[in-house]
C-alpha atoms as a PDB file:
ATOM      1  CA  MET A   1      -0.051   0.206  -0.102  1.00  0.00           C
ATOM      2  CA  LYS A   2       3.262   2.123   0.871  1.00  0.00           C
ATOM      3  CA  LYS A   3       4.520   1.498  -2.318  1.00  0.00           C
ATOM      4  CA  GLN A   4       0.870   2.190  -4.240  1.00  0.00           C
ATOM      5  CA  ARG A   5       1.198   5.795  -2.560  1.00  0.00           C
ATOM      6  CA  LEU A   6       4.129   6.826  -3.337  1.00  0.00           C
ATOM      7  CA  SER A   7       4.233   5.899  -6.804  1.00  0.00           C
ATOM      8  CA  PHE A   8       1.268   7.869  -7.386  1.00  0.00           C
ATOM      9  CA  LEU A   9       2.895  11.301  -5.857  1.00  0.00           C
ATOM     10  CA  VAL A  10       5.838  10.819  -8.267  1.00  0.00           C
ATOM     11  CA  LEU A  11       2.629  10.669 -11.352  1.00  0.00           C
ATOM     12  CA  LEU A  12       1.950  14.150  -9.064  1.00  0.00           C
ATOM     13  CA  LEU A  13       5.296  15.809  -9.162  1.00  0.00           C
ATOM     14  CA  PHE A  14       6.881  14.545 -11.987  1.00  0.00           C
ATOM     15  CA  PRO A  15       4.647  16.843 -14.079  1.00  0.00           C
ATOM     16  CA  LEU A  16       5.008  20.303 -11.497  1.00  0.00           C
ATOM     17  CA  LEU A  17       8.987  19.061 -11.767  1.00  0.00           C
ATOM     18  CA  ALA A  18       9.268  19.391 -16.095  1.00  0.00           C
ATOM     19  CA  PHE A  19       7.045  22.664 -16.125  1.00  0.00           C
ATOM     20  CA  LEU A  20       9.670  24.312 -13.173  1.00  0.00           C
ATOM     21  CA  SER A  21      13.237  22.725 -15.442  1.00  0.00           C
ATOM     22  CA  GLY A  22      11.679  23.497 -18.562  1.00  0.00           C
ATOM     23  CA  GLY A  23       9.194  26.039 -17.916  1.00  0.00           C
ATOM     24  CA  CYS A  24       9.996  29.001 -15.203  1.00  0.00           C
ATOM     25  CA  PHE A  25      14.205  28.978 -15.859  1.00  0.00           C
ATOM     26  CA  LYS A  26      13.640  29.366 -19.552  1.00  0.00           C
ATOM     27  CA  ARG A  27      12.290  32.740 -19.261  1.00  0.00           C
ATOM     28  CA  LEU A  28      15.160  33.865 -16.584  1.00  0.00           C
ATOM     29  CA  PRO A  29      16.666  36.447 -18.487  1.00  0.00           C
ATOM     30  CA  ASP A  30      20.254  37.081 -20.000  1.00  0.00           C
ATOM     31  CA  LYS A  31      22.546  39.553 -18.108  1.00  0.00           C
ATOM     32  CA  HIS A  32      26.176  39.751 -19.810  1.00  0.00           C
ATOM     33  CA  GLU A  33      28.052  42.025 -17.582  1.00  0.00           C
ATOM     34  CA  VAL A  34      29.560  45.066 -20.437  1.00  0.00           C
ATOM     35  CA  TYR A  35      31.364  47.141 -18.045  1.00  0.00           C
ATOM     36  CA  PHE A  36      33.307  47.411 -14.267  1.00  0.00           C
ATOM     37  CA  ASN A  37      35.983  49.292 -13.364  1.00  0.00           C
ATOM     38  CA  ASP A  38      37.157  49.817  -9.795  1.00  0.00           C
ATOM     39  CA  PHE A  39      39.472  51.564 -10.772  1.00  0.00           C
ATOM     40  CA  GLU A  40      42.147  49.906  -8.091  1.00  0.00           C
ATOM     41  CA  LYS A  41      44.149  49.877 -11.287  1.00  0.00           C
ATOM     42  CA  GLY A  42      43.954  53.327 -12.777  1.00  0.00           C
ATOM     43  CA  SER A  43      42.702  52.671 -15.327  1.00  0.00           C
ATOM     44  CA  GLN A  44      39.849  54.989 -17.350  1.00  0.00           C
ATOM     45  CA  ALA A  45      39.005  53.113 -20.030  1.00  0.00           C
ATOM     46  CA  LYS A  46      36.239  54.010 -22.009  1.00  0.00           C
ATOM     47  CA  LEU A  47      35.722  57.438 -19.662  1.00  0.00           C
ATOM     48  CA  THR A  48      36.196  60.802 -20.819  1.00  0.00           C
ATOM     49  CA  ILE A  49      36.613  63.700 -18.628  1.00  0.00           C
ATOM     50  CA  PHE A  50      34.892  67.512 -19.743  1.00  0.00           C
ATOM     51  CA  ASP A  51      35.278  70.656 -17.990  1.00  0.00           C
ATOM     52  CA  HIS A  52      34.039  74.284 -19.398  1.00  0.00           C
ATOM     53  CA  ASN A  53      37.072  74.574 -21.704  1.00  0.00           C
ATOM     54  CA  GLY A  54      36.637  70.614 -23.576  1.00  0.00           C
ATOM     55  CA  LYS A  55      37.885  68.000 -22.961  1.00  0.00           C
ATOM     56  CA  VAL A  56      40.303  67.006 -19.659  1.00  0.00           C
ATOM     57  CA  ASP A  57      43.380  65.155 -20.727  1.00  0.00           C
ATOM     58  CA  SER A  58      45.319  63.779 -17.369  1.00  0.00           C
ATOM     59  CA  SER A  59      43.958  61.141 -15.523  1.00  0.00           C
ATOM     60  CA  LYS A  60      40.815  61.020 -12.789  1.00  0.00           C
ATOM     61  CA  ILE A  61      41.629  58.593 -10.467  1.00  0.00           C
ATOM     62  CA  ALA A  62      41.891  59.125  -7.139  1.00  0.00           C
ATOM     63  CA  SER A  63      43.302  58.118  -3.879  1.00  0.00           C
ATOM     64  CA  PHE A  64      40.274  57.195  -0.778  1.00  0.00           C
ATOM     65  CA  ASN A  65      39.072  55.751   2.701  1.00  0.00           C
ATOM     66  CA  ASN A  66      41.990  53.377   1.673  1.00  0.00           C
ATOM     67  CA  GLY A  67      41.278  52.710  -2.258  1.00  0.00           C
ATOM     68  CA  LYS A  68      40.787  54.661  -5.244  1.00  0.00           C
ATOM     69  CA  VAL A  69      38.060  56.402  -6.604  1.00  0.00           C
ATOM     70  CA  PHE A  70      37.545  58.274 -10.741  1.00  0.00           C
ATOM     71  CA  GLY A  71      37.332  62.198  -9.232  1.00  0.00           C
ATOM     72  CA  PHE A  72      37.486  64.560  -7.307  1.00  0.00           C
ATOM     73  CA  PHE A  73      35.415  66.638  -9.739  1.00  0.00           C
ATOM     74  CA  ASN A  74      33.451  70.016  -9.537  1.00  0.00           C
ATOM     75  CA  ASN A  75      32.181  71.593 -12.861  1.00  0.00           C
ATOM     76  CA  ASN A  76      33.284  69.045 -14.303  1.00  0.00           C
ATOM     77  CA  ARG A  77      31.054  65.898 -16.686  1.00  0.00           C
ATOM     78  CA  ILE A  78      31.817  62.598 -16.920  1.00  0.00           C
ATOM     79  CA  GLU A  79      31.181  60.367 -19.985  1.00  0.00           C
ATOM     80  CA  LEU A  80      31.087  56.891 -20.708  1.00  0.00           C
ATOM     81  CA  ASP A  81      30.882  55.927 -23.408  1.00  0.00           C
ATOM     82  CA  LEU A  82      30.203  52.279 -25.473  1.00  0.00           C
ATOM     83  CA  ASP A  83      29.431  50.125 -28.363  1.00  0.00           C
ATOM     84  CA  HIS A  84      29.322  46.735 -29.944  1.00  0.00           C
ATOM     85  CA  LEU A  85      26.459  46.308 -26.755  1.00  0.00           C
ATOM     86  CA  PRO A  86      25.442  42.174 -27.085  1.00  0.00           C
ATOM     87  CA  GLU A  87      21.985  41.656 -28.043  1.00  0.00           C
ATOM     88  CA  HIS A  88      19.857  42.930 -24.987  1.00  0.00           C
ATOM     89  CA  ASN A  89      16.284  44.149 -24.017  1.00  0.00           C
ATOM     90  CA  ALA A  90      17.260  46.295 -20.948  1.00  0.00           C
ATOM     91  CA  LEU A  91      20.175  47.932 -19.271  1.00  0.00           C
ATOM     92  CA  LYS A  92      21.471  48.716 -16.266  1.00  0.00           C
ATOM     93  CA  VAL A  93      23.710  50.597 -14.828  1.00  0.00           C
ATOM     94  CA  GLU A  94      25.698  50.907 -11.376  1.00  0.00           C
ATOM     95  CA  PHE A  95      27.903  52.408  -9.502  1.00  0.00           C
ATOM     96  CA  ASP A  96      28.502  54.246  -5.375  1.00  0.00           C
ATOM     97  CA  LEU A  97      28.136  58.243  -5.858  1.00  0.00           C
ATOM     98  CA  LEU A  98      30.718  59.481  -3.379  1.00  0.00           C
ATOM     99  CA  ILE A  99      30.062  63.337  -1.411  1.00  0.00           C
ATOM    100  CA  HIS A 100      32.972  65.408  -0.614  1.00  0.00           C
ATOM    101  CA  ASP A 101      32.814  67.716   1.964  1.00  0.00           C
ATOM    102  CA  ALA A 102      30.317  70.771   2.252  1.00  0.00           C
ATOM    103  CA  TRP A 103      27.724  70.081  -0.443  1.00  0.00           C
ATOM    104  CA  ASP A 104      24.354  72.504   0.387  1.00  0.00           C
ATOM    105  CA  GLY A 105      21.541  71.202  -0.917  1.00  0.00           C
ATOM    106  CA  ASN A 106      19.083  73.489  -1.660  1.00  0.00           C
ATOM    107  CA  TYR A 107      20.421  75.692  -0.659  1.00  0.00           C
ATOM    108  CA  ILE A 108      21.480  78.537  -2.635  1.00  0.00           C
ATOM    109  CA  ARG A 109      24.474  81.071  -1.868  1.00  0.00           C
ATOM    110  CA  PRO A 110      24.236  84.749  -2.705  1.00  0.00           C
ATOM    111  CA  GLY A 111      25.252  86.123  -6.202  1.00  0.00           C
ATOM    112  CA  SER A 112      23.655  82.525  -7.458  1.00  0.00           C
ATOM    113  CA  THR A 113      20.382  81.197  -9.193  1.00  0.00           C
ATOM    114  CA  ILE A 114      21.026  77.103  -8.667  1.00  0.00           C
ATOM    115  CA  PRO A 115      21.660  75.703  -5.777  1.00  0.00           C
ATOM    116  CA  ASP A 116      24.639  72.689  -5.948  1.00  0.00           C
ATOM    117  CA  VAL A 117      23.141  70.409  -8.112  1.00  0.00           C
ATOM    118  CA  TRP A 118      24.551  66.810  -9.855  1.00  0.00           C
ATOM    119  CA  GLN A 119      22.895  66.076 -12.932  1.00  0.00           C
ATOM    120  CA  MET A 120      23.200  62.016 -14.545  1.00  0.00           C
ATOM    121  CA  MET A 121      21.666  61.169 -18.354  1.00  0.00           C
ATOM    122  CA  PHE A 122      21.177  57.690 -19.548  1.00  0.00           C
ATOM    123  CA  GLY A 123      21.390  58.047 -23.688  1.00  0.00           C
ATOM    124  CA  ASN A 124      18.753  61.499 -24.411  1.00  0.00           C
ATOM    125  CA  ASP A 125      16.901  60.322 -21.208  1.00  0.00           C
ATOM    126  CA  LEU A 126      17.313  63.160 -17.681  1.00  0.00           C
ATOM    127  CA  VAL A 127      17.399  60.605 -15.342  1.00  0.00           C
ATOM    128  CA  TYR A 128      18.526  62.764 -11.966  1.00  0.00           C
ATOM    129  CA  GLN A 129      19.043  65.959 -11.566  1.00  0.00           C
ATOM    130  CA  THR A 130      19.263  66.083  -7.903  1.00  0.00           C
ATOM    131  CA  THR A 131      21.402  67.952  -3.882  1.00  0.00           C
ATOM    132  CA  PHE A 132      22.483  66.497  -2.134  1.00  0.00           C
ATOM    133  CA  SER A 133      23.477  68.241   1.187  1.00  0.00           C
ATOM    134  CA  ASN A 134      26.759  67.141   3.832  1.00  0.00           C
ATOM    135  CA  THR A 135      25.967  70.548   5.326  1.00  0.00           C
ATOM    136  CA  THR A 136      22.219  70.952   7.726  1.00  0.00           C
ATOM    137  CA  TYR A 137      20.579  72.409   4.859  1.00  0.00           C
ATOM    138  CA  PRO A 138      17.997  70.009   3.171  1.00  0.00           C
ATOM    139  CA  GLN A 139      17.645  67.943  -0.176  1.00  0.00           C
ATOM    140  CA  SER A 140      16.026  67.562  -2.864  1.00  0.00           C
ATOM    141  CA  PHE A 141      17.815  63.006  -3.202  1.00  0.00           C
ATOM    142  CA  PRO A 142      16.159  61.020  -3.832  1.00  0.00           C
ATOM    143  CA  VAL A 143      13.878  62.857  -5.885  1.00  0.00           C
ATOM    144  CA  ASN A 144      14.410  65.177  -8.839  1.00  0.00           C
ATOM    145  CA  TYR A 145      15.273  69.253  -7.756  1.00  0.00           C
ATOM    146  CA  GLY A 146      12.300  71.572  -8.354  1.00  0.00           C
ATOM    147  CA  THR A 147      10.050  67.719  -8.864  1.00  0.00           C
ATOM    148  CA  GLY A 148       7.924  66.683  -5.806  1.00  0.00           C
ATOM    149  CA  THR A 149       8.885  67.005  -2.186  1.00  0.00           C
ATOM    150  CA  THR A 150      12.166  68.355  -2.841  1.00  0.00           C
ATOM    151  CA  SER A 151      12.509  69.178   0.783  1.00  0.00           C
ATOM    152  CA  ASN A 152      14.058  65.881   2.652  1.00  0.00           C
ATOM    153  CA  PRO A 153      17.290  65.335   5.057  1.00  0.00           C
ATOM    154  CA  PRO A 154      19.999  66.403   4.946  1.00  0.00           C
ATOM    155  CA  GLY A 155      21.505  62.628   3.690  1.00  0.00           C
ATOM    156  CA  ALA A 156      18.179  60.980   2.826  1.00  0.00           C
ATOM    157  CA  ASN A 157      18.880  57.524   1.493  1.00  0.00           C
ATOM    158  CA  ALA A 158      22.868  57.613   2.036  1.00  0.00           C
ATOM    159  CA  TRP A 159      24.636  54.085   2.721  1.00  0.00           C
ATOM    160  CA  ASN A 160      26.935  55.929   4.104  1.00  0.00           C
ATOM    161  CA  ARG A 161      27.743  59.449   6.106  1.00  0.00           C
ATOM    162  CA  SER A 162      30.271  58.752   7.733  1.00  0.00           C
ATOM    163  CA  LEU A 163      32.917  58.570   5.650  1.00  0.00           C
ATOM    164  CA  PRO A 164      35.779  61.550   6.245  1.00  0.00           C
ATOM    165  CA  GLY A 165      36.764  64.369   3.941  1.00  0.00           C
ATOM    166  CA  VAL A 166      38.327  65.564   1.359  1.00  0.00           C
ATOM    167  CA  CYS A 167      39.483  69.074   2.361  1.00  0.00           C
ATOM    168  CA  ALA A 168      37.791  71.058   3.786  1.00  0.00           C
ATOM    169  CA  LEU A 169      35.586  68.835   5.872  1.00  0.00           C
ATOM    170  CA  GLN A 170      38.902  66.722   5.666  1.00  0.00           C
ATOM    171  CA  SER A 171      38.911  66.167   9.722  1.00  0.00           C
ATOM    172  CA  SER A 172      35.455  65.068   9.639  1.00  0.00           C
ATOM    173  CA  ALA A 173      34.067  62.128  10.117  1.00  0.00           C
ATOM    174  CA  ASN A 174      30.836  63.344   8.362  1.00  0.00           C
ATOM    175  CA  GLY A 175      32.502  64.895   5.188  1.00  0.00           C
ATOM    176  CA  SER A 176      31.517  62.539   2.726  1.00  0.00           C
ATOM    177  CA  SER A 177      28.411  60.013   1.783  1.00  0.00           C
ATOM    178  CA  LEU A 178      27.976  57.548  -0.530  1.00  0.00           C
ATOM    179  CA  TYR A 179      24.671  56.628  -1.912  1.00  0.00           C
ATOM    180  CA  LYS A 180      24.132  53.732  -4.129  1.00  0.00           C
ATOM    181  CA  ILE A 181      22.699  54.769  -7.559  1.00  0.00           C
ATOM    182  CA  GLU A 182      21.099  51.958  -9.756  1.00  0.00           C
ATOM    183  CA  PHE A 183      19.191  53.035 -12.555  1.00  0.00           C
ATOM    184  CA  LEU A 184      17.020  50.182 -15.091  1.00  0.00           C
ATOM    185  CA  THR A 185      15.471  50.766 -18.180  1.00  0.00           C
ATOM    186  CA  GLY A 186      14.516  49.294 -21.644  1.00  0.00           C
ATOM    187  CA  HIS A 187      17.084  49.918 -24.087  1.00  0.00           C
ATOM    188  CA  SER A 188      18.240  47.407 -27.493  1.00  0.00           C
ATOM    189  CA  GLY A 189      20.409  50.179 -28.965  1.00  0.00           C
ATOM    190  CA  GLY A 190      24.365  48.999 -29.857  1.00  0.00           C
ATOM    191  CA  ALA A 191      25.055  51.935 -28.625  1.00  0.00           C
ATOM    192  CA  ILE A 192      25.313  54.094 -25.052  1.00  0.00           C
ATOM    193  CA  LYS A 193      26.809  57.035 -23.073  1.00  0.00           C
ATOM    194  CA  ILE A 194      25.805  57.472 -20.060  1.00  0.00           C
ATOM    195  CA  ALA A 195      26.924  61.290 -18.499  1.00  0.00           C
ATOM    196  CA  CYS A 196      27.328  62.618 -15.517  1.00  0.00           C
ATOM    197  CA  ASN A 197      27.398  66.014 -14.093  1.00  0.00           C
ATOM    198  CA  ASP A 198      27.249  69.292 -11.727  1.00  0.00           C
ATOM    199  CA  ALA A 199      26.926  72.721 -11.298  1.00  0.00           C
ATOM    200  CA  LEU A 200      28.665  72.988  -8.171  1.00  0.00           C
ATOM    201  CA  GLN A 201      28.721  76.401  -6.159  1.00  0.00           C
ATOM    202  CA  PRO A 202      31.448  78.079  -5.668  1.00  0.00           C
ATOM    203  CA  TYR A 203      32.449  77.714  -9.396  1.00  0.00           C
ATOM    204  CA  MET A 204      35.225  74.791  -9.308  1.00  0.00           C
ATOM    205  CA  SER A 205      36.391  74.749  -5.212  1.00  0.00           C
ATOM    206  CA  TYR A 206      38.019  71.132  -5.222  1.00  0.00           C
ATOM    207  CA  CYS A 207      38.499  72.020  -1.673  1.00  0.00           C
ATOM    208  CA  ASN A 208      35.074  73.146  -0.777  1.00  0.00           C
ATOM    209  CA  LYS A 209      33.056  70.136  -2.266  1.00  0.00           C
ATOM    210  CA  SER A 210      33.741  67.505  -5.216  1.00  0.00           C
ATOM    211  CA  TRP A 211      32.441  64.161  -5.698  1.00  0.00           C
ATOM    212  CA  SER A 212      33.383  61.143  -7.463  1.00  0.00           C
ATOM    213  CA  ILE A 213      32.800  57.519  -7.981  1.00  0.00           C
ATOM    214  CA  ASP A 214      33.311  54.068  -7.531  1.00  0.00           C
ATOM    215  CA  ASN A 215      32.497  50.132  -8.949  1.00  0.00           C
ATOM    216  CA  LEU A 216      31.461  51.341 -11.993  1.00  0.00           C
ATOM    217  CA  ARG A 217      28.662  48.037 -13.964  1.00  0.00           C
ATOM    218  CA  LEU A 218      27.143  48.281 -17.255  1.00  0.00           C
ATOM    219  CA  THR A 219      24.799  45.262 -17.083  1.00  0.00           C
ATOM    220  CA  ALA A 220      23.310  44.131 -20.915  1.00  0.00           C
ATOM    221  CA  ILE A 221      20.229  42.970 -19.719  1.00  0.00           C
ATOM    222  CA  LYS A 222      17.873  40.110 -22.547  1.00  0.00           C
ATOM    223  CA  TYR A 223      14.926  39.266 -21.164  1.00  0.00           C
ATOM    224  CA  ASN A 224      13.192  36.435 -22.600  1.00  0.00           C
END
């Protein structure tokens, strides 16, 4: 009797196992890492830096917190250009964004018309146009400046607010903040350009405030 029950259970389970192995798992997406850089080897391959005078040819690999980062930037634009992407229908970009020293968030300094804005473009699409604060002023991140509830506490959604500053707040244990940036979108073309830039005030005051990135990764995904 026990053998008959066991055989009956096997007959019930076999179609379910066949469905799981032949159905659900086949629909898992194919993922291909097409770019990764933690900057520890001193390479900034595929990355271009610009300032108000045009392309910057010098290296921008810096030491920070016992590692290497791509930075430091103030009134700069960086671009990641990739082509020959594998077949895909979605792209995901991920990186660590490090906000250094005395960013003032939504505060507009006397004589200026804009706050400390940071921007990210994915192809022709604006992903972020936001502000960050390491001081007492509110910031807009994690939402874009000027849209919705833009008055968030300093360091809102930061992964780590206890990193040392680079210059102006070098002696402060809360001189830099780490944010995890992740963006997933539909895409099927053979090339992509991702750009980040800032409009920090005062202009090119690197000691007062700057930013850098680390662990930059782009993944091409094919959803079946």
